[in-house]
Amino acid sequence: MKLIITDIEHFKIPVGGDYRVIMPQGTIHHCVGCFGCWVKTPGKCVIHDGYEGTGVDMGKCTELILVSQCCYGSVSPFVKTVQDRAISYIHPDFALRKGEMHHKRRYKNIITISAYFYGEHITESEKATARNIIAANADNYDGKVKNICFYKTTEELENMIL
């Protein structure tokens, strides 16, 4: 399954195959760092606002696709909040990967990450920062980067198939 996390409220980009889209629908609460998703309800956030199952959804996907406005070289606040709420995707225990300490994988799937950023005035510095952040996300998820693209408008995204 492809898991798409986007800040576009009326997402209409063609998607092929099995997928799930997480987009703004109602209020999303920020992660409060309670670690309930690790110890009380492993894999699922304890905050019930419609976004509590994102970690479980990540455990079922083979590709994580982020479609987001580029904000200072990173994803939008909404997409970042969804990612923060999905911390339950990883396990609280640690492992060494590439000489760095990271959380262990909770699920057996290996995620590839694609990021499609939009924004009229994305600088080269912001693009470099975005590439580094997505690579760091892949390391943290014990996954791989598949694709990182930049577009000026959301309309340009409508011509591609995810």
Protein backbone atom coordinates (compact mmCIF):
# COMPACT_ATOMS: atom_id res chain seq x y z
CA MET A 1 0.00 0.00 0.00
CA LYS A 2 1.06 3.60 -0.64
CA LEU A 3 0.48 5.95 2.28
CA ILE A 4 0.13 9.55 1.14
CA ILE A 5 0.36 12.37 3.67
CA THR A 6 -0.56 15.75 2.19
CA ASP A 7 -1.46 19.23 3.31
CA ILE A 8 -3.67 19.70 0.22
CA GLU A 9 -7.25 19.78 1.52
CA HIS A 10 -8.87 18.71 -1.75
CA PHE A 11 -6.27 16.20 -2.90
CA LYS A 12 -6.95 15.14 -6.50
CA ILE A 13 -3.63 13.84 -7.81
CA PRO A 14 -4.03 10.50 -9.63
CA VAL A 15 -2.79 7.57 -7.59
CA GLY A 16 -2.26 4.09 -9.03
CA GLY A 17 -2.78 0.89 -7.03
CA ASP A 18 -3.64 0.38 -3.37
CA TYR A 19 -3.31 3.60 -1.34
CA ARG A 20 -4.53 5.60 1.64
CA VAL A 21 -4.50 9.41 1.78
CA ILE A 22 -4.14 11.39 5.00
CA MET A 23 -5.08 15.04 4.49
CA PRO A 24 -6.44 17.85 6.65
CA GLN A 25 -9.86 16.81 7.93
CA GLY A 26 -10.82 18.40 11.19
CA THR A 27 -8.45 19.33 13.96
CA ILE A 28 -5.21 17.43 14.41
CA HIS A 29 -3.63 17.54 17.85
CA HIS A 30 0.12 17.77 18.30
CA CYS A 31 2.12 14.91 19.78
CA VAL A 32 2.53 15.60 23.49
CA GLY A 33 5.45 13.21 24.00
CA CYS A 34 3.55 10.98 26.42
CA PHE A 35 4.92 7.76 24.83
CA GLY A 36 1.50 6.15 25.26
CA CYS A 37 1.83 4.89 21.68
CA TRP A 38 4.90 2.95 22.77
CA VAL A 39 3.76 1.60 26.14
CA LYS A 40 -0.03 1.85 26.55
CA THR A 41 -1.32 1.17 23.03
CA PRO A 42 1.75 -0.04 21.06
CA GLY A 43 1.64 1.27 17.51
CA LYS A 44 -1.39 3.53 18.01
CA CYS A 45 -1.53 7.09 19.36
CA VAL A 46 -3.60 7.59 22.51
CA ILE A 47 -4.99 10.92 21.24
CA HIS A 48 -8.29 10.22 19.46
CA ASP A 49 -8.81 12.82 16.74
CA GLY A 50 -8.89 10.72 13.58
CA TYR A 51 -5.11 10.66 13.10
CA GLU A 52 -4.27 8.11 15.82
CA GLY A 53 -3.79 5.21 13.39
CA THR A 54 -1.07 6.76 11.24
CA GLY A 55 1.70 4.65 12.81
CA VAL A 56 -0.29 1.47 12.09
CA ASP A 57 -0.92 2.67 8.52
CA MET A 58 2.82 3.19 8.10
CA GLY A 59 3.33 -0.39 9.26
CA LYS A 60 1.15 -1.55 6.36
CA CYS A 61 2.71 0.56 3.62
CA THR A 62 5.60 -0.03 1.26
CA GLU A 63 5.84 3.59 0.13
CA LEU A 64 5.36 6.76 2.14
CA ILE A 65 4.57 9.70 -0.12
CA LEU A 66 4.71 13.21 1.28
CA VAL A 67 2.99 15.92 -0.78
CA SER A 68 3.63 19.21 0.94
CA GLN A 69 4.28 22.88 0.64
CA CYS A 70 8.00 23.46 1.16
CA CYS A 71 8.35 25.48 4.36
CA TYR A 72 11.91 26.65 4.99
CA GLY A 73 13.27 23.46 3.45
CA SER A 74 10.92 21.10 5.24
CA VAL A 75 7.35 19.85 5.11
CA SER A 76 4.37 21.97 6.12
CA PRO A 77 3.23 22.14 9.75
CA PHE A 78 0.31 19.76 9.03
CA VAL A 79 2.51 17.08 7.42
CA LYS A 80 5.09 17.43 10.22
CA THR A 81 2.37 17.02 12.85
CA VAL A 82 1.12 13.84 11.15
CA GLN A 83 4.69 12.51 11.04
CA ASP A 84 5.18 13.35 14.73
CA ARG A 85 1.93 11.55 15.62
CA ALA A 86 3.22 8.47 13.75
CA ILE A 87 6.23 8.00 16.04
CA SER A 88 4.57 4.74 17.07
CA TYR A 89 5.74 3.33 13.72
CA ILE A 90 9.15 2.86 15.31
CA HIS A 91 9.96 0.88 18.45
CA PRO A 92 11.25 2.56 21.64
CA ASP A 93 14.35 0.32 21.68
CA PHE A 94 17.49 1.37 19.81
CA ALA A 95 19.73 -0.09 17.13
CA LEU A 96 22.91 1.05 15.41
CA ARG A 97 22.51 1.84 11.70
CA LYS A 98 25.24 3.42 9.60
CA GLY A 99 27.16 4.10 12.80
CA GLU A 100 24.28 6.10 14.30
CA MET A 101 21.79 5.33 17.04
CA HIS A 102 18.21 4.99 15.75
CA HIS A 103 15.01 3.43 17.00
CA LYS A 104 14.33 -0.15 15.93
CA ARG A 105 11.66 -0.90 13.41
CA ARG A 106 8.35 -2.05 14.98
CA TYR A 107 7.01 -3.56 11.76
CA LYS A 108 8.63 -5.80 9.13
CA ASN A 109 7.88 -3.57 6.15
CA ILE A 110 10.63 -1.49 4.60
CA ILE A 111 9.38 1.91 3.53
CA THR A 112 10.56 3.90 0.53
CA ILE A 113 9.93 7.62 0.88
CA SER A 114 8.99 10.01 -1.89
CA ALA A 115 8.49 13.73 -1.32
CA TYR A 116 6.78 16.13 -3.68
CA PHE A 117 7.21 19.73 -2.56
CA TYR A 118 5.44 22.75 -3.98
CA GLY A 119 6.02 26.46 -3.58
CA GLU A 120 6.63 29.39 -5.92
CA HIS A 121 9.93 30.58 -4.48
CA ILE A 122 11.79 27.51 -3.20
CA THR A 123 15.48 28.41 -3.05
CA GLU A 124 18.34 26.03 -3.83
CA SER A 125 19.27 26.14 -0.14
CA GLU A 126 15.74 25.08 0.83
CA LYS A 127 15.87 22.25 -1.72
CA ALA A 128 19.15 21.01 -0.23
CA THR A 129 17.69 21.18 3.28
CA ALA A 130 14.57 19.29 2.15
CA ARG A 131 16.69 16.54 0.56
CA ASN A 132 18.70 16.20 3.78
CA ILE A 133 15.57 16.07 5.95
CA ILE A 134 13.90 13.41 3.78
CA ALA A 135 17.13 11.36 3.83
CA ALA A 136 17.20 11.69 7.64
CA ASN A 137 13.53 10.58 7.78
CA ALA A 138 14.43 7.52 5.72
CA ASP A 139 17.29 6.71 8.11
CA ASN A 140 14.98 7.12 11.12
CA TYR A 141 12.34 4.86 9.57
CA ASP A 142 15.03 2.36 8.45
CA GLY A 143 13.85 2.94 4.90
CA LYS A 144 15.09 4.35 1.62
CA VAL A 145 14.55 7.53 -0.37
CA LYS A 146 12.84 6.89 -3.69
CA ASN A 147 12.09 10.32 -5.11
CA ILE A 148 12.25 14.02 -4.18
CA CYS A 149 10.73 16.57 -6.56
CA PHE A 150 9.94 20.27 -6.46
CA TYR A 151 7.07 22.08 -8.19
CA LYS A 152 5.94 25.69 -8.27
CA THR A 153 2.21 25.03 -7.85
CA THR A 154 -0.18 22.29 -6.80
CA GLU A 155 -1.61 22.40 -10.33
CA GLU A 156 1.72 21.08 -11.66
CA LEU A 157 1.34 18.07 -9.35
CA GLU A 158 -1.99 17.15 -10.94
CA ASN A 159 -0.22 15.99 -14.14
CA MET A 160 1.75 13.26 -12.42
CA ILE A 161 0.70 9.84 -11.16
CA LEU A 162 1.92 8.78 -7.73
